[in-house]
Amino acid sequence: MFVTDRVRLRPPTPDDASNMFRLSGDPDLHLITDDEPFLPRHVGQVRARLEKQVTEPPDGQTAVSLLAETVADGTFLGSGVLWGINAFSRYAHLGISLVPEARGQGYGTEVIRLLCRYGFRNRNLRRLELETLASNTAMRRTAETCGFTHEGTQRDREYDGDGFVDLVIYGLLRRDWTP
């Protein structure tokens, strides 16, 4: 679907349930990627959700979730999502979750760039936003590498498992995007 030399983004299938469960079943990853309480789930629940997406695909109007894998051998890397898509004002948020062994190798940067390409070229958005915990230096570095501008900090915004921490907000305008 969307590809670089090393990374491919594609819709997940029910056969991807065990890999997607690795992300959704990790309570520590959940703390930095989601603003809802962690609810333990079974891999069967993840598979059922993916099966439902195949038989009743989401309309793609407010969120698009894609699986990230290596081009070379299909190794699971994680997922990327364009969410909160506002077709009227033409903006969306984006985020990624990578498995531990995929971190620190530049895959996150490639996933973010592919999501930007999808958002700007294929959804005709004019603005993309990215939010992360202020302590998430890897995501902050990735955002800046991809051309995002730090636009603000919300103090004590998100719970990280130990207390409330700052959330930083990044934005990228289509006119500033470098494909």
N, C-alpha and C. Protein backbone atom coordinates (compact mmCIF):
# COMPACT_ATOMS: atom_id res chain seq x y z
N MET A 1 0.83 -1.19 0.00
CA MET A 1 0.00 0.00 0.00
C MET A 1 0.88 1.26 0.00
N PHE A 2 1.53 1.55 1.11
CA PHE A 2 2.46 2.69 1.20
C PHE A 2 3.81 2.12 1.59
N VAL A 3 4.85 2.46 0.81
CA VAL A 3 6.12 1.77 0.94
C VAL A 3 7.31 2.70 0.82
N THR A 4 8.36 2.41 1.62
CA THR A 4 9.69 2.98 1.41
C THR A 4 10.58 1.79 1.03
N ASP A 5 11.87 1.99 1.00
CA ASP A 5 12.77 0.87 0.70
C ASP A 5 12.73 -0.19 1.80
N ARG A 6 12.42 0.24 3.05
CA ARG A 6 12.46 -0.69 4.18
C ARG A 6 11.13 -0.99 4.83
N VAL A 7 10.15 -0.10 4.69
CA VAL A 7 8.90 -0.21 5.46
C VAL A 7 7.68 -0.20 4.54
N ARG A 8 6.71 -1.03 4.90
CA ARG A 8 5.43 -1.05 4.19
C ARG A 8 4.32 -0.85 5.23
N LEU A 9 3.34 -0.01 4.88
CA LEU A 9 2.13 0.14 5.68
C LEU A 9 0.99 -0.50 4.91
N ARG A 10 0.18 -1.28 5.61
CA ARG A 10 -0.96 -1.94 4.97
C ARG A 10 -2.05 -2.14 6.01
N PRO A 11 -3.29 -2.34 5.55
CA PRO A 11 -4.36 -2.65 6.50
C PRO A 11 -4.08 -3.98 7.20
N PRO A 12 -4.32 -4.07 8.49
CA PRO A 12 -4.14 -5.35 9.17
C PRO A 12 -5.26 -6.32 8.80
N THR A 13 -4.95 -7.60 8.85
CA THR A 13 -5.93 -8.65 8.59
C THR A 13 -6.10 -9.47 9.87
N PRO A 14 -7.10 -10.33 9.93
CA PRO A 14 -7.26 -11.19 11.11
C PRO A 14 -6.02 -12.03 11.42
N ASP A 15 -5.26 -12.38 10.39
CA ASP A 15 -4.04 -13.17 10.62
C ASP A 15 -2.96 -12.38 11.36
N ASP A 16 -3.13 -11.07 11.46
CA ASP A 16 -2.18 -10.22 12.17
C ASP A 16 -2.52 -10.07 13.65
N ALA A 17 -3.54 -10.79 14.12
CA ALA A 17 -4.04 -10.60 15.49
C ALA A 17 -2.94 -10.77 16.54
N SER A 18 -2.12 -11.79 16.41
CA SER A 18 -1.10 -12.02 17.46
C SER A 18 -0.09 -10.88 17.50
N ASN A 19 0.27 -10.34 16.35
CA ASN A 19 1.19 -9.20 16.33
C ASN A 19 0.53 -7.93 16.87
N MET A 20 -0.70 -7.67 16.45
CA MET A 20 -1.40 -6.49 16.95
C MET A 20 -1.64 -6.60 18.46
N PHE A 21 -1.84 -7.82 18.94
CA PHE A 21 -2.00 -8.05 20.37
C PHE A 21 -0.73 -7.67 21.13
N ARG A 22 0.41 -7.88 20.52
CA ARG A 22 1.68 -7.47 21.17
C ARG A 22 1.66 -5.99 21.51
N LEU A 23 1.04 -5.19 20.65
CA LEU A 23 0.95 -3.75 20.92
C LEU A 23 -0.17 -3.44 21.91
N SER A 24 -1.36 -3.95 21.64
CA SER A 24 -2.50 -3.60 22.48
C SER A 24 -2.44 -4.27 23.84
N GLY A 25 -1.65 -5.33 23.97
CA GLY A 25 -1.54 -6.04 25.24
C GLY A 25 -0.40 -5.58 26.12
N ASP A 26 0.33 -4.55 25.70
CA ASP A 26 1.48 -4.06 26.46
C ASP A 26 1.04 -2.86 27.31
N PRO A 27 0.87 -3.04 28.63
CA PRO A 27 0.36 -1.95 29.45
C PRO A 27 1.31 -0.74 29.52
N ASP A 28 2.62 -0.97 29.45
CA ASP A 28 3.55 0.16 29.48
C ASP A 28 3.50 0.98 28.19
N LEU A 29 3.41 0.31 27.06
CA LEU A 29 3.27 1.03 25.79
C LEU A 29 1.95 1.79 25.76
N HIS A 30 0.92 1.19 26.30
CA HIS A 30 -0.39 1.82 26.35
C HIS A 30 -0.34 3.16 27.09
N LEU A 31 0.44 3.21 28.16
CA LEU A 31 0.54 4.45 28.95
C LEU A 31 1.07 5.62 28.14
N ILE A 32 1.93 5.36 27.16
CA ILE A 32 2.50 6.48 26.40
C ILE A 32 1.83 6.70 25.04
N THR A 33 0.93 5.79 24.66
CA THR A 33 0.31 5.94 23.34
C THR A 33 -1.20 6.12 23.38
N ASP A 34 -1.80 6.00 24.54
CA ASP A 34 -3.26 6.07 24.60
C ASP A 34 -3.69 6.88 25.80
N ASP A 35 -4.80 7.57 25.69
CA ASP A 35 -5.27 8.36 26.82
C ASP A 35 -6.48 7.73 27.50
N GLU A 36 -6.70 6.45 27.26
CA GLU A 36 -7.76 5.70 27.91
C GLU A 36 -7.12 4.70 28.89
N PRO A 37 -7.87 4.27 29.90
CA PRO A 37 -7.32 3.25 30.81
C PRO A 37 -7.00 1.96 30.07
N PHE A 38 -5.96 1.27 30.52
CA PHE A 38 -5.59 -0.02 29.93
C PHE A 38 -6.60 -1.07 30.39
N LEU A 39 -7.14 -1.81 29.43
CA LEU A 39 -8.03 -2.92 29.73
C LEU A 39 -7.41 -4.19 29.15
N PRO A 40 -7.07 -5.15 30.00
CA PRO A 40 -6.49 -6.40 29.47
C PRO A 40 -7.46 -7.06 28.50
N ARG A 41 -6.93 -7.51 27.39
CA ARG A 41 -7.73 -8.17 26.37
C ARG A 41 -7.06 -9.49 26.01
N HIS A 42 -7.83 -10.34 25.40
CA HIS A 42 -7.35 -11.62 24.90
C HIS A 42 -7.05 -11.47 23.42
N VAL A 43 -6.10 -12.22 22.92
CA VAL A 43 -5.76 -12.16 21.50
C VAL A 43 -6.99 -12.46 20.63
N GLY A 44 -7.91 -13.27 21.14
CA GLY A 44 -9.14 -13.56 20.40
C GLY A 44 -10.00 -12.32 20.20
N GLN A 45 -9.97 -11.42 21.18
CA GLN A 45 -10.73 -10.17 21.03
C GLN A 45 -10.13 -9.30 19.94
N VAL A 46 -8.81 -9.28 19.87
CA VAL A 46 -8.14 -8.51 18.82
C VAL A 46 -8.48 -9.11 17.46
N ARG A 47 -8.44 -10.43 17.37
CA ARG A 47 -8.77 -11.10 16.10
C ARG A 47 -10.22 -10.80 15.70
N ALA A 48 -11.14 -10.84 16.65
CA ALA A 48 -12.55 -10.56 16.36
C ALA A 48 -12.72 -9.14 15.84
N ARG A 49 -11.99 -8.19 16.42
CA ARG A 49 -12.07 -6.80 15.95
C ARG A 49 -11.55 -6.70 14.52
N LEU A 50 -10.43 -7.40 14.23
CA LEU A 50 -9.88 -7.37 12.88
C LEU A 50 -10.81 -8.06 11.88
N GLU A 51 -11.45 -9.15 12.30
CA GLU A 51 -12.41 -9.82 11.42
C GLU A 51 -13.59 -8.91 11.12
N LYS A 52 -14.03 -8.18 12.11
CA LYS A 52 -15.14 -7.25 11.91
C LYS A 52 -14.75 -6.15 10.92
N GLN A 53 -13.49 -5.71 10.97
CA GLN A 53 -13.04 -4.68 10.04
C GLN A 53 -13.01 -5.20 8.61
N VAL A 54 -12.80 -6.49 8.43
CA VAL A 54 -12.80 -7.07 7.09
C VAL A 54 -14.22 -7.18 6.57
N THR A 55 -15.15 -7.63 7.43
CA THR A 55 -16.54 -7.81 6.98
C THR A 55 -17.34 -6.51 7.00
N GLU A 56 -17.01 -5.62 7.92
CA GLU A 56 -17.67 -4.32 8.03
C GLU A 56 -16.61 -3.24 8.13
N PRO A 57 -15.93 -2.95 7.02
CA PRO A 57 -14.81 -2.01 7.09
C PRO A 57 -15.26 -0.64 7.60
N PRO A 58 -14.41 -0.02 8.43
CA PRO A 58 -14.74 1.33 8.88
C PRO A 58 -14.78 2.26 7.68
N ASP A 59 -15.54 3.31 7.80
CA ASP A 59 -15.70 4.21 6.67
C ASP A 59 -14.46 5.05 6.40
N GLY A 60 -13.49 5.04 7.29
CA GLY A 60 -12.25 5.78 7.05
C GLY A 60 -12.40 7.28 7.18
N GLN A 61 -13.54 7.71 7.68
CA GLN A 61 -13.75 9.16 7.78
C GLN A 61 -13.04 9.78 8.97
N THR A 62 -12.90 9.04 10.08
CA THR A 62 -12.30 9.65 11.27
C THR A 62 -11.00 8.99 11.70
N ALA A 63 -10.70 7.79 11.24
CA ALA A 63 -9.45 7.12 11.63
C ALA A 63 -9.07 6.06 10.60
N VAL A 64 -7.78 5.92 10.39
CA VAL A 64 -7.24 4.88 9.53
C VAL A 64 -6.05 4.27 10.26
N SER A 65 -6.13 2.99 10.55
CA SER A 65 -5.06 2.28 11.26
C SER A 65 -4.38 1.32 10.29
N LEU A 66 -3.05 1.37 10.25
CA LEU A 66 -2.28 0.54 9.33
C LEU A 66 -1.20 -0.22 10.08
N LEU A 67 -0.91 -1.41 9.61
CA LEU A 67 0.16 -2.23 10.17
C LEU A 67 1.47 -1.86 9.48
N ALA A 68 2.56 -1.81 10.24
CA ALA A 68 3.89 -1.52 9.70
C ALA A 68 4.72 -2.80 9.73
N GLU A 69 5.35 -3.09 8.60
CA GLU A 69 6.20 -4.28 8.50
C GLU A 69 7.39 -3.98 7.59
N THR A 70 8.41 -4.84 7.68
CA THR A 70 9.57 -4.65 6.81
C THR A 70 9.21 -5.13 5.40
N VAL A 71 9.79 -4.46 4.42
CA VAL A 71 9.59 -4.85 3.02
C VAL A 71 10.33 -6.16 2.75
N ALA A 72 11.52 -6.30 3.31
CA ALA A 72 12.38 -7.44 3.01
C ALA A 72 11.73 -8.77 3.34
N ASP A 73 11.17 -8.91 4.55
CA ASP A 73 10.64 -10.21 4.94
C ASP A 73 9.32 -10.16 5.70
N GLY A 74 8.68 -9.00 5.74
CA GLY A 74 7.38 -8.90 6.39
C GLY A 74 7.42 -8.93 7.91
N THR A 75 8.59 -8.68 8.49
CA THR A 75 8.70 -8.65 9.95
C THR A 75 7.82 -7.54 10.51
N PHE A 76 7.02 -7.88 11.50
CA PHE A 76 6.12 -6.93 12.14
C PHE A 76 6.92 -5.87 12.89
N LEU A 77 6.60 -4.60 12.62
CA LEU A 77 7.26 -3.48 13.28
C LEU A 77 6.34 -2.78 14.27
N GLY A 78 5.07 -2.69 13.94
CA GLY A 78 4.12 -1.98 14.79
C GLY A 78 2.95 -1.48 13.97
N SER A 79 2.45 -0.30 14.36
CA SER A 79 1.31 0.25 13.63
C SER A 79 1.41 1.76 13.57
N GLY A 80 0.69 2.30 12.61
CA GLY A 80 0.57 3.74 12.46
C GLY A 80 -0.89 4.08 12.28
N VAL A 81 -1.28 5.23 12.77
CA VAL A 81 -2.69 5.61 12.70
C VAL A 81 -2.83 7.08 12.38
N LEU A 82 -3.77 7.38 11.54
CA LEU A 82 -4.23 8.75 11.28
C LEU A 82 -5.60 8.80 11.94
N TRP A 83 -5.77 9.64 12.95
CA TRP A 83 -7.02 9.65 13.72
C TRP A 83 -7.52 11.08 13.90
N GLY A 84 -8.76 11.17 14.33
CA GLY A 84 -9.35 12.49 14.51
C GLY A 84 -9.39 13.27 13.22
N ILE A 85 -9.60 12.57 12.12
CA ILE A 85 -9.59 13.21 10.80
C ILE A 85 -10.78 14.15 10.70
N ASN A 86 -10.50 15.40 10.43
CA ASN A 86 -11.54 16.42 10.29
C ASN A 86 -11.54 16.85 8.82
N ALA A 87 -12.48 16.31 8.06
CA ALA A 87 -12.54 16.58 6.62
C ALA A 87 -12.92 18.02 6.32
N PHE A 88 -13.66 18.66 7.20
CA PHE A 88 -14.09 20.03 6.96
C PHE A 88 -12.92 21.00 7.10
N SER A 89 -12.20 20.91 8.21
CA SER A 89 -11.05 21.80 8.43
C SER A 89 -9.75 21.22 7.89
N ARG A 90 -9.81 19.98 7.39
CA ARG A 90 -8.71 19.30 6.70
C ARG A 90 -7.46 19.14 7.57
N TYR A 91 -7.64 18.54 8.75
CA TYR A 91 -6.50 18.20 9.58
C TYR A 91 -6.74 16.84 10.22
N ALA A 92 -5.68 16.26 10.75
CA ALA A 92 -5.78 14.98 11.46
C ALA A 92 -4.60 14.88 12.41
N HIS A 93 -4.69 13.92 13.29
CA HIS A 93 -3.61 13.59 14.21
C HIS A 93 -2.97 12.30 13.71
N LEU A 94 -1.73 12.08 14.08
CA LEU A 94 -1.12 10.81 13.73
C LEU A 94 -0.31 10.28 14.89
N GLY A 95 -0.12 8.98 14.87
CA GLY A 95 0.64 8.33 15.92
C GLY A 95 1.17 7.00 15.46
N ILE A 96 2.16 6.52 16.21
CA ILE A 96 2.75 5.22 15.90
C ILE A 96 2.98 4.46 17.20
N SER A 97 3.02 3.16 17.07
CA SER A 97 3.42 2.25 18.14
C SER A 97 4.34 1.22 17.51
N LEU A 98 5.53 1.09 18.06
CA LEU A 98 6.49 0.11 17.54
C LEU A 98 6.82 -0.91 18.61
N VAL A 99 7.05 -2.15 18.19
CA VAL A 99 7.50 -3.18 19.12
C VAL A 99 8.93 -2.83 19.56
N PRO A 100 9.32 -3.25 20.77
CA PRO A 100 10.64 -2.85 21.30
C PRO A 100 11.81 -3.11 20.36
N GLU A 101 11.82 -4.26 19.68
CA GLU A 101 12.96 -4.59 18.82
C GLU A 101 13.02 -3.73 17.56
N ALA A 102 11.98 -2.97 17.25
CA ALA A 102 11.98 -2.11 16.06
C ALA A 102 12.37 -0.67 16.40
N ARG A 103 12.48 -0.36 17.67
CA ARG A 103 12.77 1.02 18.09
C ARG A 103 14.25 1.34 17.92
N GLY A 104 14.53 2.62 17.66
CA GLY A 104 15.91 3.08 17.57
C GLY A 104 16.62 2.74 16.27
N GLN A 105 15.87 2.33 15.26
CA GLN A 105 16.47 1.94 13.98
C GLN A 105 15.98 2.79 12.81
N GLY A 106 15.25 3.85 13.10
CA GLY A 106 14.77 4.72 12.04
C GLY A 106 13.43 4.31 11.45
N TYR A 107 12.86 3.20 11.90
CA TYR A 107 11.58 2.76 11.36
C TYR A 107 10.47 3.75 11.69
N GLY A 108 10.51 4.32 12.89
CA GLY A 108 9.48 5.28 13.28
C GLY A 108 9.44 6.48 12.35
N THR A 109 10.60 6.96 11.98
CA THR A 109 10.68 8.09 11.05
C THR A 109 10.05 7.72 9.71
N GLU A 110 10.32 6.53 9.22
CA GLU A 110 9.75 6.10 7.95
C GLU A 110 8.23 5.94 8.04
N VAL A 111 7.74 5.41 9.15
CA VAL A 111 6.30 5.25 9.32
C VAL A 111 5.62 6.62 9.36
N ILE A 112 6.20 7.56 10.12
CA ILE A 112 5.63 8.91 10.20
C ILE A 112 5.62 9.55 8.81
N ARG A 113 6.70 9.42 8.06
CA ARG A 113 6.75 10.01 6.72
C ARG A 113 5.70 9.40 5.80
N LEU A 114 5.49 8.10 5.90
CA LEU A 114 4.46 7.46 5.08
C LEU A 114 3.06 7.95 5.49
N LEU A 115 2.83 8.11 6.79
CA LEU A 115 1.54 8.63 7.24
C LEU A 115 1.33 10.06 6.76
N CYS A 116 2.39 10.86 6.75
CA CYS A 116 2.29 12.23 6.24
C CYS A 116 1.94 12.21 4.75
N ARG A 117 2.60 11.35 4.01
CA ARG A 117 2.31 11.23 2.58
C ARG A 117 0.85 10.85 2.36
N TYR A 118 0.38 9.88 3.11
CA TYR A 118 -1.03 9.47 3.00
C TYR A 118 -1.95 10.65 3.35
N GLY A 119 -1.67 11.32 4.45
CA GLY A 119 -2.53 12.41 4.89
C GLY A 119 -2.57 13.58 3.92
N PHE A 120 -1.39 13.97 3.44
CA PHE A 120 -1.35 15.14 2.55
C PHE A 120 -1.75 14.80 1.12
N ARG A 121 -1.25 13.72 0.57
CA ARG A 121 -1.51 13.40 -0.83
C ARG A 121 -2.82 12.68 -1.05
N ASN A 122 -3.12 11.70 -0.22
CA ASN A 122 -4.27 10.86 -0.47
C ASN A 122 -5.54 11.30 0.26
N ARG A 123 -5.39 12.08 1.32
CA ARG A 123 -6.56 12.60 2.04
C ARG A 123 -6.73 14.10 1.83
N ASN A 124 -5.79 14.73 1.14
CA ASN A 124 -5.82 16.16 0.85
C ASN A 124 -5.97 17.01 2.12
N LEU A 125 -5.25 16.60 3.17
CA LEU A 125 -5.26 17.37 4.41
C LEU A 125 -4.30 18.54 4.28
N ARG A 126 -4.51 19.55 5.08
CA ARG A 126 -3.62 20.71 5.06
C ARG A 126 -2.75 20.78 6.30
N ARG A 127 -3.08 19.99 7.33
CA ARG A 127 -2.35 20.04 8.60
C ARG A 127 -2.38 18.67 9.27
N LEU A 128 -1.23 18.28 9.83
CA LEU A 128 -1.14 17.07 10.63
C LEU A 128 -0.61 17.44 12.01
N GLU A 129 -1.15 16.79 13.02
CA GLU A 129 -0.74 17.06 14.39
C GLU A 129 -0.25 15.78 15.05
N LEU A 130 0.67 15.95 15.96
CA LEU A 130 1.23 14.82 16.68
C LEU A 130 1.39 15.26 18.13
N GLU A 131 0.91 14.45 19.06
CA GLU A 131 1.04 14.74 20.48
C GLU A 131 1.81 13.60 21.12
N THR A 132 2.68 13.93 22.08
CA THR A 132 3.42 12.90 22.80
C THR A 132 3.79 13.43 24.18
N LEU A 133 4.13 12.53 25.07
CA LEU A 133 4.59 12.94 26.39
C LEU A 133 5.90 13.71 26.24
N ALA A 134 6.07 14.73 27.05
CA ALA A 134 7.30 15.53 26.98
C ALA A 134 8.53 14.66 27.22
N SER A 135 8.39 13.61 27.98
CA SER A 135 9.52 12.72 28.29
C SER A 135 9.84 11.73 27.17
N ASN A 136 8.99 11.65 26.14
CA ASN A 136 9.20 10.71 25.05
C ASN A 136 10.16 11.33 24.03
N THR A 137 11.44 11.33 24.37
CA THR A 137 12.44 11.99 23.52
C THR A 137 12.55 11.35 22.15
N ALA A 138 12.36 10.05 22.05
CA ALA A 138 12.45 9.39 20.74
C ALA A 138 11.36 9.90 19.80
N MET A 139 10.13 10.01 20.30
CA MET A 139 9.04 10.49 19.44
C MET A 139 9.23 11.97 19.12
N ARG A 140 9.72 12.73 20.07
CA ARG A 140 9.95 14.16 19.82
C ARG A 140 11.02 14.34 18.74
N ARG A 141 12.08 13.56 18.83
CA ARG A 141 13.15 13.63 17.83
C ARG A 141 12.63 13.20 16.45
N THR A 142 11.80 12.15 16.43
CA THR A 142 11.21 11.69 15.17
C THR A 142 10.34 12.78 14.56
N ALA A 143 9.50 13.42 15.37
CA ALA A 143 8.63 14.49 14.87
C ALA A 143 9.46 15.60 14.25
N GLU A 144 10.50 16.02 14.93
CA GLU A 144 11.34 17.11 14.42
C GLU A 144 12.09 16.70 13.17
N THR A 145 12.56 15.46 13.12
CA THR A 145 13.25 14.95 11.93
C THR A 145 12.32 14.97 10.72
N CYS A 146 11.04 14.72 10.96
CA CYS A 146 10.04 14.68 9.88
C CYS A 146 9.48 16.06 9.54
N GLY A 147 10.01 17.12 10.16
CA GLY A 147 9.62 18.48 9.81
C GLY A 147 8.54 19.10 10.67
N PHE A 148 8.07 18.39 11.68
CA PHE A 148 7.05 18.94 12.57
C PHE A 148 7.66 20.04 13.44
N THR A 149 6.84 21.03 13.77
CA THR A 149 7.23 22.16 14.61
C THR A 149 6.59 22.01 15.98
N HIS A 150 7.39 22.19 17.01
CA HIS A 150 6.85 22.17 18.38
C HIS A 150 5.97 23.40 18.53
N GLU A 151 4.69 23.18 18.80
CA GLU A 151 3.73 24.28 18.86
C GLU A 151 3.26 24.59 20.27
N GLY A 152 3.56 23.73 21.21
CA GLY A 152 3.13 24.04 22.57
C GLY A 152 3.28 22.88 23.51
N THR A 153 3.11 23.19 24.78
CA THR A 153 3.18 22.20 25.84
C THR A 153 1.97 22.40 26.76
N GLN A 154 1.29 21.32 27.03
CA GLN A 154 0.20 21.36 27.99
C GLN A 154 0.70 20.71 29.28
N ARG A 155 0.71 21.50 30.35
CA ARG A 155 1.28 21.03 31.61
C ARG A 155 0.35 20.03 32.31
N ASP A 156 0.97 19.01 32.91
CA ASP A 156 0.24 18.00 33.68
C ASP A 156 -1.00 17.48 32.95
N ARG A 157 -0.87 17.18 31.68
CA ARG A 157 -2.00 16.80 30.84
C ARG A 157 -2.32 15.31 30.88
N GLU A 158 -1.30 14.46 30.84
CA GLU A 158 -1.53 13.02 30.69
C GLU A 158 -0.96 12.24 31.87
N TYR A 159 -1.60 11.14 32.18
CA TYR A 159 -1.14 10.24 33.23
C TYR A 159 -0.18 9.23 32.62
N ASP A 160 1.00 9.04 33.23
CA ASP A 160 2.00 8.13 32.68
C ASP A 160 2.23 6.88 33.53
N GLY A 161 1.35 6.64 34.48
CA GLY A 161 1.49 5.49 35.36
C GLY A 161 2.05 5.86 36.71
N ASP A 162 2.75 6.97 36.77
CA ASP A 162 3.34 7.43 38.02
C ASP A 162 2.78 8.77 38.48
N GLY A 163 2.19 9.50 37.58
CA GLY A 163 1.64 10.82 37.89
C GLY A 163 1.28 11.52 36.60
N PHE A 164 0.95 12.78 36.71
CA PHE A 164 0.57 13.55 35.54
C PHE A 164 1.79 14.29 34.99
N VAL A 165 1.92 14.25 33.67
CA VAL A 165 3.10 14.80 33.00
C VAL A 165 2.66 15.71 31.85
N ASP A 166 3.62 16.48 31.37
CA ASP A 166 3.37 17.41 30.27
C ASP A 166 3.19 16.66 28.95
N LEU A 167 2.35 17.24 28.11
CA LEU A 167 2.13 16.74 26.76
C LEU A 167 2.62 17.81 25.80
N VAL A 168 3.43 17.41 24.82
CA VAL A 168 3.90 18.36 23.82
C VAL A 168 3.14 18.14 22.52
N ILE A 169 2.91 19.24 21.82
CA ILE A 169 2.12 19.21 20.60
C ILE A 169 3.00 19.68 19.44
N TYR A 170 2.97 18.91 18.36
CA TYR A 170 3.71 19.24 17.15
C TYR A 170 2.73 19.38 16.00
N GLY A 171 3.04 20.25 15.06
CA GLY A 171 2.22 20.41 13.87
C GLY A 171 3.06 20.47 12.61
N LEU A 172 2.48 20.02 11.52
CA LEU A 172 3.12 20.09 10.21
C LEU A 172 2.07 20.54 9.20
N LEU A 173 2.35 21.64 8.54
CA LEU A 173 1.46 22.15 7.49
C LEU A 173 1.87 21.56 6.15
N ARG A 174 0.89 21.35 5.30
CA ARG A 174 1.18 20.79 3.98
C ARG A 174 2.23 21.62 3.24
N ARG A 175 2.14 22.95 3.36
CA ARG A 175 3.09 23.80 2.63
C ARG A 175 4.52 23.65 3.15
N ASP A 176 4.68 23.14 4.37
CA ASP A 176 6.02 22.94 4.94
C ASP A 176 6.52 21.51 4.80
N TRP A 177 5.66 20.63 4.29
CA TRP A 177 5.98 19.21 4.17
C TRP A 177 6.93 18.98 3.01
N THR A 178 7.94 18.16 3.25
CA THR A 178 8.86 17.75 2.20
C THR A 178 8.62 16.28 1.90
N PRO A 179 8.05 15.97 0.73
CA PRO A 179 7.77 14.54 0.42
C PRO A 179 9.05 13.71 0.35
